[in-house]
Amino acid sequence: MNSSTDPQTTAAMQAFIQEENQKAAVQQIISKLTDTCWDKCMGKPGNKLSSWETDCISNCAERFLDTSIFIVQRMEKQAQSRNGI
């Protein structure tokens, strides 16, 4: 039997691809978060962050993650509604 048509091999490959896609999505979110919060919170770069910059970055990251979680949950609910679950 050819290993490329083996169901276990196919399932393993699909799982690997899905995992890699998830990793890429996480990296994309982190990159977006970094860009957004940097642009919003960073003034003139110096030797260390000011307390305002630190607080701003923390708040920005928390709001970004809260919003991302809300959007994902909303999309999941809509998908479930469409599928009659």
Protein backbone atom coordinates (compact mmCIF):
# COMPACT_ATOMS: atom_id res chain seq x y z
CA MET A 1 0.00 0.00 0.00
CA ASN A 2 1.32 3.42 -0.92
CA SER A 3 2.01 5.50 2.25
CA SER A 4 0.64 8.64 0.57
CA THR A 5 -2.83 7.04 0.52
CA ASP A 6 -2.58 5.57 4.02
CA PRO A 7 -5.45 7.05 6.11
CA GLN A 8 -3.22 7.44 9.17
CA THR A 9 -0.61 9.31 7.17
CA THR A 10 -3.27 11.54 5.65
CA ALA A 11 -4.80 12.27 9.07
CA ALA A 12 -1.39 13.01 10.56
CA MET A 13 -0.56 15.36 7.70
CA GLN A 14 -3.89 17.17 8.05
CA ALA A 15 -3.33 17.56 11.80
CA PHE A 16 0.17 18.89 11.17
CA ILE A 17 -1.09 21.41 8.61
CA GLN A 18 -3.86 22.55 10.94
CA GLU A 19 -1.37 23.01 13.78
CA GLU A 20 0.98 25.00 11.55
CA ASN A 21 -1.91 27.19 10.38
CA GLN A 22 -2.84 27.86 14.00
CA LYS A 23 0.76 28.79 14.81
CA ALA A 24 0.83 31.18 11.86
CA ALA A 25 -2.45 32.75 13.00
CA VAL A 26 -1.07 33.28 16.51
CA GLN A 27 2.08 34.86 15.08
CA GLN A 28 -0.04 37.16 12.92
CA ILE A 29 -2.09 38.25 15.95
CA ILE A 30 1.06 38.90 17.98
CA SER A 31 2.51 40.95 15.14
CA LYS A 32 -0.69 43.00 14.81
CA LEU A 33 -0.82 43.50 18.59
CA THR A 34 2.79 44.65 18.65
CA ASP A 35 2.30 47.09 15.77
CA THR A 36 -0.95 48.50 17.16
CA CYS A 37 0.27 48.99 20.71
CA TRP A 38 3.66 50.33 19.64
CA ASP A 39 2.07 52.95 17.41
CA LYS A 40 -0.43 53.93 20.09
CA CYS A 41 1.81 53.96 23.15
CA MET A 42 5.40 54.64 22.23
CA GLY A 43 6.71 58.13 22.21
CA LYS A 44 10.34 58.87 21.70
CA PRO A 45 12.38 55.69 22.29
CA GLY A 46 14.77 55.95 25.21
CA ASN A 47 16.76 53.71 27.51
CA LYS A 48 13.65 52.50 29.33
CA LEU A 49 9.87 52.71 29.14
CA SER A 50 8.09 55.40 31.09
CA SER A 51 5.37 54.35 33.51
CA TRP A 52 2.80 55.84 31.10
CA GLU A 53 4.18 53.77 28.20
CA THR A 54 4.20 50.61 30.32
CA ASP A 55 0.60 51.17 31.44
CA CYS A 56 -0.49 52.05 27.91
CA ILE A 57 1.07 48.92 26.41
CA SER A 58 -0.47 46.74 29.10
CA ASN A 59 -3.92 48.25 28.62
CA CYS A 60 -3.62 48.12 24.84
CA ALA A 61 -2.64 44.44 24.89
CA GLU A 62 -5.48 43.57 27.28
CA ARG A 63 -8.08 45.40 25.18
CA PHE A 64 -6.75 43.86 21.97
CA LEU A 65 -6.95 40.35 23.43
CA ASP A 66 -10.40 40.99 24.96
CA THR A 67 -11.65 42.20 21.59
CA SER A 68 -10.11 39.26 19.74
CA ILE A 69 -11.71 36.77 22.16
CA PHE A 70 -15.08 38.51 21.83
CA ILE A 71 -14.92 38.40 18.03
CA VAL A 72 -13.95 34.71 17.96
CA GLN A 73 -16.76 33.80 20.38
CA ARG A 74 -19.26 35.81 18.35
CA MET A 75 -18.18 34.12 15.11
CA GLU A 76 -18.44 30.68 16.77
CA LYS A 77 -22.00 31.46 17.94
CA GLN A 78 -22.98 32.63 14.47
CA ALA A 79 -21.51 29.48 12.91
CA GLN A 80 -23.40 27.33 15.40
CA SER A 81 -26.63 29.20 14.62
CA ARG A 82 -26.17 28.65 10.90
CA ASN A 83 -25.46 24.96 11.47
CA GLY A 84 -28.46 24.55 13.77
CA ILE A 85 -26.37 23.56 16.78
